[in-house]
Amino acid sequence: MAEGAFKIMTPGGYQRPALCSKCQGVLVYKGIGEYQCEMCGALEYDEYGLVRNYLDEHRGSNVAQIADKTGVSQKTIREMIKDNRFEVIDNPGGYIRCEVCGVDIKSGRYCAKCEVAYHRKMEDKVREAKQKNIAGYGDAKQGEEGSMRFTR
């Protein structure tokens, strides 16, 4: 991407091009990190598109090599792996670790066991919140004081 080209941040925290580096036309998203200029038809890529294209041609590259060749920071590439956009292939020392138990995983933030435990915990919180909102027969809300609007 050209120096000084206009970029914006996506909700995922990745930089994406907004204006064409050749003619300054508006770039339209075409999918999988690819953007096409409305005016001249030139293709440009966001950080995800750059990494994906590099990995299509250079399978088995490590994070340092990808960052060096694409210009995308190692931190951003690791976040893409944690967001399940890429998967670490079988490579000694090339795994990332579960954020809870520390076991080696290929992508995401949690291993399968910890992910199930996390979701069960969230489901229990939802059930608990739902139970708090249910008031059945004979369960009067405590602490509500006041008087009737109309009295005789």
N, C-alpha and C. Protein backbone atom coordinates (compact mmCIF):
# COMPACT_ATOMS: atom_id res chain seq x y z
N MET A 1 0.83 -1.17 0.00
CA MET A 1 0.00 0.00 0.00
C MET A 1 0.87 1.23 0.00
N ALA A 2 0.49 2.25 -0.70
CA ALA A 2 1.30 3.45 -0.86
C ALA A 2 1.43 4.21 0.45
N GLU A 3 2.56 4.90 0.58
CA GLU A 3 2.81 5.73 1.75
C GLU A 3 1.80 6.85 1.81
N GLY A 4 1.24 7.08 2.98
CA GLY A 4 0.28 8.17 3.14
C GLY A 4 -1.13 7.83 2.67
N ALA A 5 -1.39 6.58 2.31
CA ALA A 5 -2.73 6.20 1.88
C ALA A 5 -3.66 6.24 3.08
N PHE A 6 -4.90 6.60 2.85
CA PHE A 6 -5.89 6.72 3.91
C PHE A 6 -6.35 5.34 4.35
N LYS A 7 -6.24 5.06 5.67
CA LYS A 7 -6.67 3.77 6.23
C LYS A 7 -7.63 4.04 7.37
N ILE A 8 -8.51 3.08 7.61
CA ILE A 8 -9.40 3.16 8.76
C ILE A 8 -9.31 1.86 9.54
N MET A 9 -9.72 1.91 10.80
CA MET A 9 -9.69 0.72 11.64
C MET A 9 -11.04 0.01 11.55
N THR A 10 -11.00 -1.30 11.41
CA THR A 10 -12.23 -2.10 11.40
C THR A 10 -12.64 -2.39 12.83
N PRO A 11 -13.88 -2.85 13.05
CA PRO A 11 -14.30 -3.22 14.41
C PRO A 11 -13.40 -4.28 15.03
N GLY A 12 -12.79 -5.12 14.23
CA GLY A 12 -11.88 -6.14 14.74
C GLY A 12 -10.52 -5.59 15.11
N GLY A 13 -10.26 -4.33 14.80
CA GLY A 13 -8.99 -3.70 15.14
C GLY A 13 -7.94 -3.78 14.05
N TYR A 14 -8.31 -4.17 12.86
CA TYR A 14 -7.36 -4.26 11.75
C TYR A 14 -7.47 -3.02 10.88
N GLN A 15 -6.34 -2.65 10.28
CA GLN A 15 -6.36 -1.50 9.38
C GLN A 15 -6.82 -1.95 8.00
N ARG A 16 -7.67 -1.15 7.39
CA ARG A 16 -8.13 -1.43 6.04
C ARG A 16 -7.99 -0.18 5.21
N PRO A 17 -7.67 -0.35 3.93
CA PRO A 17 -7.55 0.81 3.06
C PRO A 17 -8.92 1.43 2.78
N ALA A 18 -8.96 2.74 2.60
CA ALA A 18 -10.22 3.42 2.32
C ALA A 18 -10.20 4.08 0.94
N LEU A 19 -9.03 4.58 0.55
CA LEU A 19 -8.89 5.23 -0.76
C LEU A 19 -7.82 4.52 -1.57
N CYS A 20 -8.04 4.47 -2.87
CA CYS A 20 -7.10 3.84 -3.80
C CYS A 20 -5.77 4.59 -3.78
N SER A 21 -4.68 3.85 -3.73
CA SER A 21 -3.36 4.47 -3.72
C SER A 21 -2.96 5.01 -5.10
N LYS A 22 -3.66 4.59 -6.14
CA LYS A 22 -3.33 5.03 -7.50
C LYS A 22 -4.12 6.26 -7.92
N CYS A 23 -5.44 6.24 -7.69
CA CYS A 23 -6.27 7.34 -8.19
C CYS A 23 -7.08 8.05 -7.11
N GLN A 24 -6.94 7.61 -5.85
CA GLN A 24 -7.68 8.18 -4.72
C GLN A 24 -9.19 7.92 -4.79
N GLY A 25 -9.60 6.94 -5.56
CA GLY A 25 -11.01 6.55 -5.61
C GLY A 25 -11.39 5.77 -4.36
N VAL A 26 -12.68 5.62 -4.12
CA VAL A 26 -13.17 4.89 -2.95
C VAL A 26 -13.02 3.39 -3.19
N LEU A 27 -12.52 2.68 -2.17
CA LEU A 27 -12.35 1.24 -2.26
C LEU A 27 -13.58 0.54 -1.71
N VAL A 28 -14.09 -0.44 -2.46
CA VAL A 28 -15.28 -1.18 -2.09
C VAL A 28 -14.86 -2.59 -1.68
N TYR A 29 -15.39 -3.06 -0.55
CA TYR A 29 -15.06 -4.38 -0.03
C TYR A 29 -15.60 -5.47 -0.95
N LYS A 30 -14.73 -6.40 -1.34
CA LYS A 30 -15.12 -7.51 -2.21
C LYS A 30 -15.12 -8.84 -1.49
N GLY A 31 -14.58 -8.89 -0.28
CA GLY A 31 -14.56 -10.14 0.50
C GLY A 31 -13.16 -10.63 0.78
N ILE A 32 -13.00 -11.30 1.90
CA ILE A 32 -11.76 -11.94 2.33
C ILE A 32 -10.57 -10.97 2.25
N GLY A 33 -10.75 -9.78 2.78
CA GLY A 33 -9.64 -8.82 2.87
C GLY A 33 -9.31 -8.11 1.58
N GLU A 34 -10.16 -8.20 0.58
CA GLU A 34 -9.88 -7.62 -0.73
C GLU A 34 -10.80 -6.42 -0.99
N TYR A 35 -10.24 -5.35 -1.53
CA TYR A 35 -10.99 -4.13 -1.84
C TYR A 35 -10.67 -3.72 -3.27
N GLN A 36 -11.69 -3.24 -3.99
CA GLN A 36 -11.51 -2.85 -5.37
C GLN A 36 -11.92 -1.38 -5.52
N CYS A 37 -11.11 -0.64 -6.28
CA CYS A 37 -11.38 0.78 -6.51
C CYS A 37 -12.58 0.94 -7.44
N GLU A 38 -13.47 1.86 -7.09
CA GLU A 38 -14.65 2.13 -7.93
C GLU A 38 -14.26 2.78 -9.25
N MET A 39 -13.19 3.55 -9.23
CA MET A 39 -12.84 4.32 -10.43
C MET A 39 -11.92 3.54 -11.38
N CYS A 40 -10.80 3.03 -10.89
CA CYS A 40 -9.82 2.40 -11.80
C CYS A 40 -9.83 0.88 -11.73
N GLY A 41 -10.50 0.27 -10.75
CA GLY A 41 -10.58 -1.18 -10.65
C GLY A 41 -9.38 -1.85 -9.99
N ALA A 42 -8.44 -1.07 -9.46
CA ALA A 42 -7.26 -1.63 -8.82
C ALA A 42 -7.66 -2.37 -7.55
N LEU A 43 -6.94 -3.46 -7.25
CA LEU A 43 -7.19 -4.25 -6.04
C LEU A 43 -6.20 -3.87 -4.95
N GLU A 44 -6.71 -3.73 -3.73
CA GLU A 44 -5.87 -3.50 -2.56
C GLU A 44 -6.36 -4.43 -1.46
N TYR A 45 -5.51 -4.63 -0.45
CA TYR A 45 -5.81 -5.60 0.60
C TYR A 45 -5.63 -4.97 1.98
N ASP A 46 -6.49 -5.40 2.92
CA ASP A 46 -6.30 -4.99 4.30
C ASP A 46 -5.27 -5.93 4.93
N GLU A 47 -5.02 -5.78 6.22
CA GLU A 47 -4.00 -6.59 6.89
C GLU A 47 -4.31 -8.08 6.79
N TYR A 48 -5.57 -8.43 6.95
CA TYR A 48 -5.95 -9.84 6.84
C TYR A 48 -5.68 -10.36 5.43
N GLY A 49 -6.05 -9.59 4.42
CA GLY A 49 -5.83 -9.99 3.04
C GLY A 49 -4.36 -10.16 2.71
N LEU A 50 -3.52 -9.27 3.24
CA LEU A 50 -2.07 -9.38 3.01
C LEU A 50 -1.53 -10.68 3.60
N VAL A 51 -1.92 -10.97 4.83
CA VAL A 51 -1.43 -12.19 5.50
C VAL A 51 -1.97 -13.43 4.79
N ARG A 52 -3.23 -13.41 4.45
CA ARG A 52 -3.83 -14.57 3.79
C ARG A 52 -3.15 -14.86 2.44
N ASN A 53 -2.96 -13.83 1.65
CA ASN A 53 -2.30 -14.02 0.35
C ASN A 53 -0.87 -14.54 0.51
N TYR A 54 -0.16 -14.02 1.49
CA TYR A 54 1.20 -14.50 1.73
C TYR A 54 1.19 -15.98 2.12
N LEU A 55 0.26 -16.37 3.00
CA LEU A 55 0.20 -17.77 3.44
C LEU A 55 -0.26 -18.71 2.33
N ASP A 56 -1.06 -18.21 1.39
CA ASP A 56 -1.45 -19.05 0.25
C ASP A 56 -0.23 -19.46 -0.56
N GLU A 57 0.73 -18.57 -0.67
CA GLU A 57 1.93 -18.84 -1.45
C GLU A 57 3.06 -19.46 -0.63
N HIS A 58 3.08 -19.21 0.68
CA HIS A 58 4.18 -19.66 1.54
C HIS A 58 3.65 -20.40 2.76
N ARG A 59 3.06 -21.56 2.52
CA ARG A 59 2.53 -22.36 3.63
C ARG A 59 3.66 -22.73 4.59
N GLY A 60 3.33 -22.71 5.89
CA GLY A 60 4.30 -23.12 6.89
C GLY A 60 5.18 -21.99 7.39
N SER A 61 4.96 -20.77 6.94
CA SER A 61 5.75 -19.64 7.41
C SER A 61 5.41 -19.34 8.86
N ASN A 62 6.40 -18.84 9.60
CA ASN A 62 6.13 -18.48 10.99
C ASN A 62 5.72 -17.01 11.07
N VAL A 63 5.31 -16.59 12.26
CA VAL A 63 4.78 -15.24 12.45
C VAL A 63 5.82 -14.18 12.10
N ALA A 64 7.07 -14.40 12.48
CA ALA A 64 8.11 -13.42 12.20
C ALA A 64 8.32 -13.25 10.69
N GLN A 65 8.33 -14.35 9.94
CA GLN A 65 8.49 -14.28 8.49
C GLN A 65 7.31 -13.55 7.85
N ILE A 66 6.10 -13.87 8.29
CA ILE A 66 4.90 -13.23 7.74
C ILE A 66 4.94 -11.73 8.00
N ALA A 67 5.27 -11.35 9.23
CA ALA A 67 5.33 -9.93 9.59
C ALA A 67 6.38 -9.20 8.76
N ASP A 68 7.53 -9.83 8.57
CA ASP A 68 8.61 -9.22 7.81
C ASP A 68 8.23 -8.99 6.35
N LYS A 69 7.57 -9.95 5.74
CA LYS A 69 7.23 -9.87 4.31
C LYS A 69 5.99 -9.03 4.02
N THR A 70 5.02 -8.99 4.96
CA THR A 70 3.76 -8.28 4.70
C THR A 70 3.69 -6.89 5.31
N GLY A 71 4.51 -6.64 6.32
CA GLY A 71 4.44 -5.36 7.02
C GLY A 71 3.37 -5.31 8.09
N VAL A 72 2.67 -6.41 8.31
CA VAL A 72 1.66 -6.49 9.37
C VAL A 72 2.37 -6.88 10.66
N SER A 73 2.04 -6.23 11.77
CA SER A 73 2.75 -6.48 13.03
C SER A 73 2.50 -7.91 13.53
N GLN A 74 3.49 -8.43 14.27
CA GLN A 74 3.36 -9.77 14.84
C GLN A 74 2.18 -9.83 15.81
N LYS A 75 1.96 -8.76 16.55
CA LYS A 75 0.83 -8.71 17.48
C LYS A 75 -0.49 -8.87 16.73
N THR A 76 -0.63 -8.18 15.61
CA THR A 76 -1.86 -8.27 14.82
C THR A 76 -2.05 -9.68 14.26
N ILE A 77 -0.97 -10.29 13.82
CA ILE A 77 -1.06 -11.66 13.28
C ILE A 77 -1.47 -12.63 14.38
N ARG A 78 -0.91 -12.47 15.59
CA ARG A 78 -1.30 -13.34 16.71
C ARG A 78 -2.77 -13.14 17.07
N GLU A 79 -3.25 -11.91 17.01
CA GLU A 79 -4.66 -11.64 17.28
C GLU A 79 -5.54 -12.32 16.22
N MET A 80 -5.09 -12.34 14.96
CA MET A 80 -5.84 -13.03 13.91
C MET A 80 -5.94 -14.52 14.21
N ILE A 81 -4.85 -15.10 14.72
CA ILE A 81 -4.86 -16.52 15.08
C ILE A 81 -5.83 -16.75 16.24
N LYS A 82 -5.80 -15.85 17.23
CA LYS A 82 -6.70 -15.98 18.38
C LYS A 82 -8.16 -15.77 17.98
N ASP A 83 -8.39 -15.00 16.92
CA ASP A 83 -9.75 -14.78 16.42
C ASP A 83 -10.20 -15.89 15.47
N ASN A 84 -9.42 -16.97 15.38
CA ASN A 84 -9.70 -18.13 14.51
C ASN A 84 -9.70 -17.79 13.03
N ARG A 85 -8.96 -16.77 12.62
CA ARG A 85 -8.87 -16.45 11.20
C ARG A 85 -7.83 -17.34 10.52
N PHE A 86 -6.84 -17.78 11.29
CA PHE A 86 -5.80 -18.69 10.80
C PHE A 86 -5.57 -19.77 11.83
N GLU A 87 -4.94 -20.85 11.39
CA GLU A 87 -4.65 -21.96 12.29
C GLU A 87 -3.17 -22.28 12.20
N VAL A 88 -2.55 -22.56 13.34
CA VAL A 88 -1.15 -22.94 13.37
C VAL A 88 -1.04 -24.38 12.89
N ILE A 89 -0.15 -24.61 11.93
CA ILE A 89 0.04 -25.98 11.44
C ILE A 89 0.98 -26.72 12.37
N ASP A 90 1.07 -28.04 12.22
CA ASP A 90 1.94 -28.83 13.07
C ASP A 90 3.38 -28.37 12.88
N ASN A 91 3.89 -27.73 13.92
CA ASN A 91 5.22 -27.16 13.86
C ASN A 91 5.74 -27.12 15.30
N PRO A 92 6.89 -27.75 15.57
CA PRO A 92 7.39 -27.74 16.95
C PRO A 92 7.60 -26.30 17.44
N GLY A 93 7.00 -26.00 18.57
CA GLY A 93 7.14 -24.67 19.15
C GLY A 93 6.28 -23.62 18.47
N GLY A 94 5.47 -24.01 17.50
CA GLY A 94 4.68 -23.05 16.74
C GLY A 94 3.26 -22.88 17.22
N TYR A 95 2.93 -23.48 18.35
CA TYR A 95 1.57 -23.41 18.84
C TYR A 95 1.37 -22.17 19.71
N ILE A 96 0.10 -21.81 19.89
CA ILE A 96 -0.23 -20.80 20.88
C ILE A 96 -0.82 -21.52 22.07
N ARG A 97 -0.94 -20.86 23.18
CA ARG A 97 -1.38 -21.53 24.40
C ARG A 97 -2.77 -21.07 24.82
N CYS A 98 -3.51 -22.01 25.43
CA CYS A 98 -4.82 -21.72 26.00
C CYS A 98 -4.64 -20.66 27.09
N GLU A 99 -5.51 -19.66 27.10
CA GLU A 99 -5.39 -18.57 28.06
C GLU A 99 -5.76 -18.99 29.48
N VAL A 100 -6.39 -20.16 29.64
CA VAL A 100 -6.80 -20.61 30.97
C VAL A 100 -5.81 -21.63 31.52
N CYS A 101 -5.60 -22.73 30.79
CA CYS A 101 -4.79 -23.82 31.34
C CYS A 101 -3.38 -23.90 30.74
N GLY A 102 -3.11 -23.20 29.65
CA GLY A 102 -1.77 -23.17 29.08
C GLY A 102 -1.42 -24.29 28.13
N VAL A 103 -2.37 -25.16 27.78
CA VAL A 103 -2.09 -26.25 26.86
C VAL A 103 -1.92 -25.69 25.44
N ASP A 104 -1.11 -26.35 24.60
CA ASP A 104 -0.90 -25.91 23.22
C ASP A 104 -2.18 -26.07 22.40
N ILE A 105 -2.54 -25.04 21.64
CA ILE A 105 -3.71 -25.08 20.74
C ILE A 105 -3.30 -24.52 19.39
N LYS A 106 -4.11 -24.79 18.36
CA LYS A 106 -3.79 -24.34 17.01
C LYS A 106 -4.40 -22.99 16.67
N SER A 107 -5.54 -22.65 17.24
CA SER A 107 -6.16 -21.35 17.01
C SER A 107 -7.14 -21.06 18.12
N GLY A 108 -7.59 -19.83 18.19
CA GLY A 108 -8.55 -19.44 19.21
C GLY A 108 -7.85 -18.97 20.47
N ARG A 109 -8.63 -18.83 21.53
CA ARG A 109 -8.10 -18.37 22.81
C ARG A 109 -8.09 -19.49 23.86
N TYR A 110 -8.97 -20.49 23.69
CA TYR A 110 -9.12 -21.54 24.68
C TYR A 110 -9.03 -22.91 24.03
N CYS A 111 -8.59 -23.91 24.81
CA CYS A 111 -8.63 -25.29 24.35
C CYS A 111 -10.09 -25.74 24.40
N ALA A 112 -10.39 -26.89 23.83
CA ALA A 112 -11.77 -27.36 23.76
C ALA A 112 -12.37 -27.53 25.16
N LYS A 113 -11.60 -28.07 26.09
CA LYS A 113 -12.09 -28.31 27.45
C LYS A 113 -12.42 -26.98 28.15
N CYS A 114 -11.54 -26.01 28.06
CA CYS A 114 -11.76 -24.72 28.72
C CYS A 114 -12.87 -23.92 28.03
N GLU A 115 -13.00 -24.09 26.72
CA GLU A 115 -14.07 -23.39 26.00
C GLU A 115 -15.44 -23.90 26.44
N VAL A 116 -15.56 -25.22 26.61
CA VAL A 116 -16.82 -25.79 27.10
C VAL A 116 -17.11 -25.28 28.51
N ALA A 117 -16.09 -25.25 29.36
CA ALA A 117 -16.27 -24.76 30.74
C ALA A 117 -16.68 -23.29 30.74
N TYR A 118 -16.08 -22.50 29.86
CA TYR A 118 -16.42 -21.07 29.76
C TYR A 118 -17.88 -20.90 29.36
N HIS A 119 -18.32 -21.64 28.35
CA HIS A 119 -19.70 -21.52 27.89
C HIS A 119 -20.69 -22.01 28.95
N ARG A 120 -20.35 -23.07 29.66
CA ARG A 120 -21.22 -23.56 30.74
C ARG A 120 -21.36 -22.50 31.83
N LYS A 121 -20.25 -21.85 32.14
CA LYS A 121 -20.27 -20.79 33.16
C LYS A 121 -21.17 -19.64 32.71
N MET A 122 -21.07 -19.26 31.44
CA MET A 122 -21.91 -18.17 30.91
C MET A 122 -23.38 -18.59 30.92
N GLU A 123 -23.67 -19.84 30.56
CA GLU A 123 -25.05 -20.34 30.58
C GLU A 123 -25.62 -20.31 32.00
N ASP A 124 -24.80 -20.68 32.98
CA ASP A 124 -25.25 -20.66 34.37
C ASP A 124 -25.56 -19.24 34.82
N LYS A 125 -24.75 -18.27 34.38
CA LYS A 125 -25.01 -16.87 34.72
C LYS A 125 -26.34 -16.40 34.12
N VAL A 126 -26.62 -16.82 32.88
CA VAL A 126 -27.88 -16.44 32.23
C VAL A 126 -29.05 -17.07 32.97
N ARG A 127 -28.92 -18.35 33.35
CA ARG A 127 -30.00 -19.02 34.10
C ARG A 127 -30.25 -18.31 35.44
N GLU A 128 -29.16 -17.96 36.10
CA GLU A 128 -29.26 -17.28 37.39
C GLU A 128 -29.95 -15.92 37.24
N ALA A 129 -29.58 -15.17 36.22
CA ALA A 129 -30.21 -13.87 35.97
C ALA A 129 -31.68 -14.04 35.63
N LYS A 130 -31.99 -15.08 34.88
CA LYS A 130 -33.39 -15.34 34.51
C LYS A 130 -34.21 -15.69 35.75
N GLN A 131 -33.65 -16.47 36.64
CA GLN A 131 -34.35 -16.85 37.87
C GLN A 131 -34.62 -15.64 38.76
N LYS A 132 -33.71 -14.68 38.79
CA LYS A 132 -33.90 -13.48 39.59
C LYS A 132 -35.08 -12.65 39.09
N ASN A 133 -35.33 -12.71 37.78
CA ASN A 133 -36.40 -11.91 37.19
C ASN A 133 -37.77 -12.57 37.29
N ILE A 134 -37.82 -13.82 37.70
CA ILE A 134 -39.09 -14.53 37.78
C ILE A 134 -39.66 -14.35 39.18
N ALA A 135 -40.87 -13.85 39.27
CA ALA A 135 -41.56 -13.72 40.56
C ALA A 135 -42.82 -14.58 40.47
N GLY A 136 -42.86 -15.63 41.24
CA GLY A 136 -43.99 -16.54 41.18
C GLY A 136 -45.03 -16.21 42.24
N TYR A 137 -46.01 -17.10 42.39
CA TYR A 137 -47.10 -16.94 43.35
C TYR A 137 -46.52 -16.88 44.76
N GLY A 138 -46.88 -15.83 45.48
CA GLY A 138 -46.44 -15.70 46.86
C GLY A 138 -45.06 -15.09 47.01
N ASP A 139 -44.38 -14.84 45.93
CA ASP A 139 -43.06 -14.22 46.01
C ASP A 139 -43.23 -12.72 45.80
N ALA A 140 -43.40 -11.99 46.86
CA ALA A 140 -43.54 -10.55 46.75
C ALA A 140 -42.16 -9.93 46.74
N LYS A 141 -42.03 -8.85 46.04
CA LYS A 141 -40.74 -8.17 46.02
C LYS A 141 -40.54 -7.51 47.37
N GLN A 142 -39.38 -7.64 47.89
CA GLN A 142 -39.05 -7.10 49.21
C GLN A 142 -38.57 -5.66 49.09
N GLY A 143 -38.91 -4.87 50.09
CA GLY A 143 -38.38 -3.53 50.16
C GLY A 143 -39.14 -2.48 49.38
N GLU A 144 -40.28 -2.82 48.80
CA GLU A 144 -41.03 -1.80 48.07
C GLU A 144 -42.02 -1.15 49.03
N GLU A 145 -41.79 0.07 49.31
CA GLU A 145 -42.63 0.84 50.23
C GLU A 145 -43.41 1.86 49.41
N GLY A 146 -44.50 2.33 49.97
CA GLY A 146 -45.26 3.35 49.29
C GLY A 146 -46.72 3.28 49.69
N SER A 147 -47.52 4.13 49.11
CA SER A 147 -48.94 4.12 49.42
C SER A 147 -49.73 4.02 48.15
N MET A 148 -50.98 3.74 48.29
CA MET A 148 -51.85 3.64 47.14
C MET A 148 -52.10 5.03 46.58
N ARG A 149 -52.32 5.08 45.32
CA ARG A 149 -52.54 6.39 44.67
C ARG A 149 -53.86 7.00 45.12
N PHE A 150 -54.90 6.18 45.16
CA PHE A 150 -56.20 6.65 45.59
C PHE A 150 -56.57 5.91 46.87
N THR A 151 -56.92 6.64 47.89
CA THR A 151 -57.36 6.00 49.13
C THR A 151 -58.77 6.47 49.45
N ARG A 152 -59.53 5.64 50.16
CA ARG A 152 -60.91 6.01 50.52
C ARG A 152 -61.01 6.46 51.93
